[in-house]
Amino acid sequence: MLVYNHGSCRENKIALTFDDGPNPFFTFKILDILDKHSVKANFFVLGQNAEKFPDILKEIYERGHLIGNHSYSHAKEGAFDFGRAEDVIFGIVGKHTEFIRAPYLDANRGSDYIADKNDAVKFINADVFPHIHLQKAEIADFVLKNSQNGSVILLHDGSRKEEEQKTRPAEMFAALPEIIEKLKEKFKFVRLDEMKFDGNETL
């Protein structure tokens, strides 16, 4: 099984990704920032949140961003429920996902699902992922210092816990405009389906 941590180092493309949404408190505002800066991003959604907020998922899709599968419930133990999440996503936007990100970046717990798909989907991890409890300046500094050609940047617009939805993404959201503005000086933000993954994968 192949797990892709970043794209081609030969192209100055980077992918901005968000996990654990949709989130009614932040996802719409993030979409507005992306629109303002003409950036397309990638949202790895939880099926349980997509089920609660189908209109937000539709908005992500209709604004031209890529939707990825982040499992249904972000389970702490056992196999991840990617199939259930896929059914929810397809039922809302009418399109199957091409990319999967395992919760906790633990692709081994999703290996059976990916095997059944015969490589029709890719497992995506990330090579730039600031800790979710950092402050605004620390998040921006980490992302700006560590991004390079082909980087896949992992941020969070939501949470598997309902009580964290109002607070968890706040510092990231505050840092996002600076991250986008400064990285756009060097790189092109792309959807994952616009990125090459040639020779940068791990088993």
Protein backbone atom coordinates (compact mmCIF):
# COMPACT_ATOMS: atom_id res chain seq x y z
CA MET A 1 0.00 0.00 0.00
CA LEU A 2 1.32 3.41 -0.97
CA VAL A 3 0.96 6.43 1.29
CA TYR A 4 1.80 9.81 -0.22
CA ASN A 5 3.29 12.37 2.13
CA HIS A 6 4.00 15.10 -0.40
CA GLY A 7 3.95 15.87 -4.09
CA SER A 8 6.69 16.30 -6.61
CA CYS A 9 9.66 18.36 -5.44
CA ARG A 10 10.21 19.43 -9.05
CA GLU A 11 7.09 21.61 -9.16
CA ASN A 12 6.42 24.69 -7.05
CA LYS A 13 2.95 23.48 -6.16
CA ILE A 14 1.68 23.03 -2.62
CA ALA A 15 -1.61 21.70 -1.27
CA LEU A 16 -3.50 23.30 1.58
CA THR A 17 -5.61 20.70 3.38
CA PHE A 18 -8.11 20.88 6.22
CA ASP A 19 -9.22 17.97 8.43
CA ASP A 20 -12.21 17.10 10.61
CA GLY A 21 -14.90 19.41 9.16
CA PRO A 22 -17.37 20.50 8.06
CA ASN A 23 -17.67 22.96 10.94
CA PRO A 24 -20.47 25.54 11.04
CA PHE A 25 -18.33 27.97 13.05
CA PHE A 26 -15.25 28.08 10.80
CA THR A 27 -15.59 26.30 7.46
CA PHE A 28 -17.65 29.02 5.76
CA LYS A 29 -15.22 31.69 6.96
CA ILE A 30 -12.28 29.66 5.66
CA LEU A 31 -14.01 29.33 2.30
CA ASP A 32 -14.38 33.11 2.16
CA ILE A 33 -10.66 33.60 2.85
CA LEU A 34 -9.80 31.09 0.13
CA ASP A 35 -12.07 32.89 -2.32
CA LYS A 36 -10.55 36.25 -1.43
CA HIS A 37 -7.09 34.95 -2.30
CA SER A 38 -8.21 32.81 -5.28
CA VAL A 39 -6.93 29.62 -3.64
CA LYS A 40 -8.30 26.12 -4.10
CA ALA A 41 -7.88 23.79 -1.14
CA ASN A 42 -8.65 20.25 -0.01
CA PHE A 43 -11.09 19.33 2.76
CA PHE A 44 -10.81 15.89 4.39
CA VAL A 45 -14.20 15.60 6.02
CA LEU A 46 -15.61 13.35 8.71
CA GLY A 47 -18.74 11.53 7.63
CA GLN A 48 -20.49 12.28 10.92
CA ASN A 49 -19.93 16.02 10.44
CA ALA A 50 -20.90 15.95 6.77
CA GLU A 51 -24.11 14.21 7.79
CA LYS A 52 -24.89 16.98 10.29
CA PHE A 53 -23.94 19.83 7.96
CA PRO A 54 -24.65 18.74 4.37
CA ASP A 55 -25.10 22.32 3.18
CA ILE A 56 -21.53 23.15 4.20
CA LEU A 57 -20.21 20.11 2.34
CA LYS A 58 -22.14 21.18 -0.75
CA GLU A 59 -20.69 24.67 -0.44
CA ILE A 60 -17.14 23.30 -0.30
CA TYR A 61 -17.81 21.29 -3.43
CA GLU A 62 -19.61 24.06 -5.30
CA ARG A 63 -16.80 26.54 -4.65
CA GLY A 64 -14.43 24.20 -6.44
CA HIS A 65 -12.47 22.65 -3.61
CA LEU A 66 -11.53 18.98 -3.40
CA ILE A 67 -13.32 16.80 -0.86
CA GLY A 68 -11.43 13.91 0.72
CA ASN A 69 -12.51 11.08 2.99
CA HIS A 70 -11.30 11.27 6.61
CA SER A 71 -13.44 8.35 7.86
CA TYR A 72 -16.87 8.57 9.45
CA SER A 73 -16.11 9.01 13.15
CA HIS A 74 -12.32 9.39 13.65
CA ALA A 75 -12.34 6.19 15.72
CA LYS A 76 -9.60 5.76 18.31
CA GLU A 77 -9.52 1.98 17.90
CA GLY A 78 -10.22 -0.60 15.22
CA ALA A 79 -10.54 -0.17 11.47
CA PHE A 80 -11.55 3.24 10.18
CA ASP A 81 -15.06 3.49 8.73
CA PHE A 82 -14.12 4.96 5.34
CA GLY A 83 -16.93 3.12 3.57
CA ARG A 84 -19.63 4.69 5.70
CA ALA A 85 -18.09 8.14 5.21
CA GLU A 86 -17.92 7.58 1.45
CA ASP A 87 -21.62 6.76 1.33
CA VAL A 88 -22.44 10.00 3.17
CA ILE A 89 -20.21 12.14 0.95
CA PHE A 90 -21.51 10.62 -2.28
CA GLY A 91 -25.09 10.99 -1.09
CA ILE A 92 -24.58 14.74 -0.57
CA VAL A 93 -22.40 15.84 -3.51
CA GLY A 94 -22.94 12.95 -5.94
CA LYS A 95 -19.21 12.35 -6.45
CA HIS A 96 -16.84 9.75 -5.01
CA THR A 97 -13.63 10.84 -3.32
CA GLU A 98 -10.25 10.22 -4.92
CA PHE A 99 -8.18 10.87 -1.80
CA ILE A 100 -8.27 9.49 1.74
CA ARG A 101 -6.51 10.66 4.86
CA ALA A 102 -6.47 8.33 7.84
CA PRO A 103 -7.18 9.82 11.26
CA TYR A 104 -3.98 10.12 13.29
CA LEU A 105 -2.19 9.62 9.92
CA ASP A 106 -2.44 5.88 10.65
CA ALA A 107 -2.94 4.42 7.19
CA ASN A 108 -2.43 0.84 8.37
CA ARG A 109 -5.86 0.86 9.99
CA GLY A 110 -7.39 1.62 6.59
CA SER A 111 -5.42 -0.82 4.49
CA ASP A 112 -8.35 -3.21 3.90
CA TYR A 113 -10.49 -0.40 2.49
CA ILE A 114 -7.80 0.84 0.13
CA ALA A 115 -7.07 -2.72 -1.06
CA ASP A 116 -10.70 -3.13 -2.08
CA LYS A 117 -10.45 0.03 -4.20
CA ASN A 118 -7.62 -1.36 -6.36
CA ASP A 119 -5.63 1.89 -6.14
CA ALA A 120 -8.59 3.94 -7.39
CA VAL A 121 -7.98 6.24 -4.43
CA LYS A 122 -4.75 7.49 -2.83
CA PHE A 123 -3.84 7.66 0.84
CA ILE A 124 -2.54 11.17 1.62
CA ASN A 125 -0.68 12.08 4.77
CA ALA A 126 1.22 15.37 5.04
CA ASP A 127 4.72 16.72 5.46
CA VAL A 128 3.76 20.02 7.15
CA PHE A 129 1.42 19.75 10.12
CA PRO A 130 1.69 22.21 13.02
CA HIS A 131 0.39 21.03 16.37
CA ILE A 132 -3.25 22.02 16.85
CA HIS A 133 -2.54 23.67 20.22
CA LEU A 134 -0.01 26.19 18.91
CA GLN A 135 -0.81 29.90 18.89
CA LYS A 136 -1.39 31.98 15.75
CA ALA A 137 2.20 33.22 15.34
CA GLU A 138 3.64 29.76 16.04
CA ILE A 139 1.39 28.12 13.46
CA ALA A 140 2.24 30.67 10.78
CA ASP A 141 5.96 30.44 11.55
CA PHE A 142 5.96 26.64 11.43
CA VAL A 143 4.10 26.44 8.12
CA LEU A 144 6.15 29.16 6.45
CA LYS A 145 9.48 27.67 7.55
CA ASN A 146 8.67 24.08 6.60
CA SER A 147 6.80 24.43 3.30
CA GLN A 148 8.64 23.51 0.12
CA ASN A 149 7.88 22.31 -3.40
CA GLY A 150 5.25 19.58 -3.18
CA SER A 151 4.32 20.18 0.44
CA VAL A 152 0.98 18.96 1.73
CA ILE A 153 0.00 21.26 4.60
CA LEU A 154 -2.35 19.82 7.21
CA LEU A 155 -4.57 22.23 9.16
CA HIS A 156 -7.84 21.66 11.02
CA ASP A 157 -11.15 23.39 10.33
CA GLY A 158 -13.11 21.13 12.68
CA SER A 159 -13.05 18.37 15.26
CA ARG A 160 -14.58 14.98 15.92
CA LYS A 161 -15.75 16.45 19.25
CA GLU A 162 -18.73 18.78 19.01
CA GLU A 163 -17.61 20.82 22.04
CA GLU A 164 -14.35 21.74 20.27
CA GLN A 165 -15.89 23.06 17.06
CA LYS A 166 -16.11 26.67 18.30
CA THR A 167 -12.56 26.86 19.63
CA ARG A 168 -10.15 24.33 18.14
CA PRO A 169 -9.58 25.99 14.72
CA ALA A 170 -9.44 29.56 16.05
CA GLU A 171 -5.65 30.07 16.12
CA MET A 172 -5.22 28.38 12.75
CA PHE A 173 -7.95 30.56 11.29
CA ALA A 174 -6.24 33.68 12.60
CA ALA A 175 -2.95 32.59 11.01
CA LEU A 176 -4.44 31.54 7.67
CA PRO A 177 -4.38 34.88 5.79
CA GLU A 178 -0.68 35.39 6.53
CA ILE A 179 0.12 31.81 5.55
CA ILE A 180 -1.65 32.16 2.22
CA GLU A 181 -0.29 35.61 1.40
CA LYS A 182 3.34 34.71 2.09
CA LEU A 183 3.30 31.25 0.51
CA LYS A 184 1.65 32.62 -2.64
CA GLU A 185 4.83 34.63 -3.20
CA LYS A 186 6.73 31.36 -3.79
CA PHE A 187 4.24 28.62 -4.58
CA LYS A 188 1.02 27.82 -6.39
CA PHE A 189 -1.79 26.40 -4.24
CA VAL A 190 -3.48 23.45 -5.94
CA ARG A 191 -6.00 20.71 -5.39
CA LEU A 192 -4.43 17.31 -4.80
CA ASP A 193 -5.72 16.10 -8.15
CA GLU A 194 -3.54 18.79 -9.76
CA MET A 195 -0.39 17.58 -8.01
CA LYS A 196 2.10 14.98 -9.24
CA PHE A 197 3.16 12.24 -6.85
CA ASP A 198 6.20 10.88 -8.67
CA GLY A 199 8.65 9.06 -6.48
CA ASN A 200 7.68 10.74 -3.20
CA GLU A 201 5.64 7.95 -1.69
CA THR A 202 6.34 5.66 1.24
CA LEU A 203 5.25 2.09 1.84
